[in-house]
Structures are given as C-alpha cells and as structure tokens.
Amino acid sequence: MVYLETCRSQAKVSVQLTVGSRVPIATTAIGRAYYLGLAETEREHLDAQLAERYGKQW
C-alpha cells in the first residue's frame, strides 16, 4: 500500500506516515481494510501473491 494523502492529528502520540510512505498489506490495518474491500476474485488473486511472498505466515 502507498499513502496518497494523509491528515495530521493533534494528538501527542500518532503514526507519522507521509505521502508516498509504503506499508505492507498483510500486516497493517489499512492493508487489511483494503483486502476486505476487494471483490472475491481480486482477493483470490491477491491471496496467491501474498502466499507466495509470506509462505506459511500468510
């Protein structure tokens, strides 16, 4: 996943990702939300790619 836009919080503790930051689909909340929002056929295709990359961990 690549962040295209971000909004800053006024909280003292927050995640400081910037536009262009890369985060893994398999291990982040935004990646998992993306995954669940995919159509079933797209999710199956992504499953194959993630299984190849992460092996038994996926």
Protein backbone atom coordinates (compact mmCIF):
# COMPACT_ATOMS: atom_id res chain seq x y z
CA MET A 1 0.00 0.00 0.00
CA VAL A 2 1.20 3.54 -0.75
CA TYR A 3 -0.28 6.52 1.08
CA LEU A 4 -1.67 9.07 -1.37
CA GLU A 5 -2.99 11.51 1.19
CA THR A 6 -2.74 11.96 4.94
CA CYS A 7 -4.36 14.08 7.64
CA ARG A 8 -2.46 15.03 10.77
CA SER A 9 -3.81 14.56 14.26
CA GLN A 10 -3.23 16.99 17.09
CA ALA A 11 -2.54 14.01 19.40
CA LYS A 12 0.89 13.92 21.02
CA VAL A 13 1.33 10.27 20.03
CA SER A 14 0.39 9.33 16.47
CA VAL A 15 1.67 7.47 13.43
CA GLN A 16 3.73 9.83 11.31
CA LEU A 17 3.40 8.47 7.79
CA THR A 18 3.77 10.87 4.90
CA VAL A 19 2.50 10.84 1.31
CA GLY A 20 4.47 8.15 -0.52
CA SER A 21 5.03 6.04 2.60
CA ARG A 22 4.78 2.32 1.90
CA VAL A 23 3.14 -0.12 4.31
CA PRO A 24 2.54 -3.86 3.92
CA ILE A 25 -0.95 -5.08 3.05
CA ALA A 26 -0.66 -8.22 5.16
CA THR A 27 0.33 -6.66 8.47
CA THR A 28 -1.33 -3.25 8.71
CA ALA A 29 -4.88 -2.17 9.48
CA ILE A 30 -5.14 -0.14 6.27
CA GLY A 31 -3.83 -3.09 4.26
CA ARG A 32 -6.34 -5.44 5.82
CA ALA A 33 -9.17 -2.97 5.22
CA TYR A 34 -8.15 -2.77 1.56
CA TYR A 35 -8.02 -6.56 1.35
CA LEU A 36 -11.52 -6.97 2.79
CA GLY A 37 -12.89 -4.33 0.42
CA LEU A 38 -11.78 -6.23 -2.68
CA ALA A 39 -14.15 -8.27 -4.81
CA GLU A 40 -13.81 -12.02 -4.23
CA THR A 41 -11.90 -12.67 -7.48
CA GLU A 42 -9.45 -9.84 -6.77
CA ARG A 43 -8.98 -11.11 -3.22
CA GLU A 44 -8.21 -14.62 -4.52
CA HIS A 45 -5.58 -13.18 -6.89
CA LEU A 46 -4.02 -11.17 -4.05
CA ASP A 47 -4.13 -14.25 -1.78
CA ALA A 48 -1.91 -16.09 -4.24
CA GLN A 49 0.59 -13.22 -4.35
CA LEU A 50 0.68 -12.86 -0.56
CA ALA A 51 1.03 -16.63 -0.05
CA GLU A 52 3.98 -16.62 -2.45
CA ARG A 53 5.64 -13.75 -0.61
CA TYR A 54 4.90 -14.71 3.01
CA GLY A 55 4.61 -18.52 2.75
CA LYS A 56 3.03 -20.27 5.72
CA GLN A 57 2.85 -16.98 7.64
CA TRP A 58 0.06 -15.86 5.31
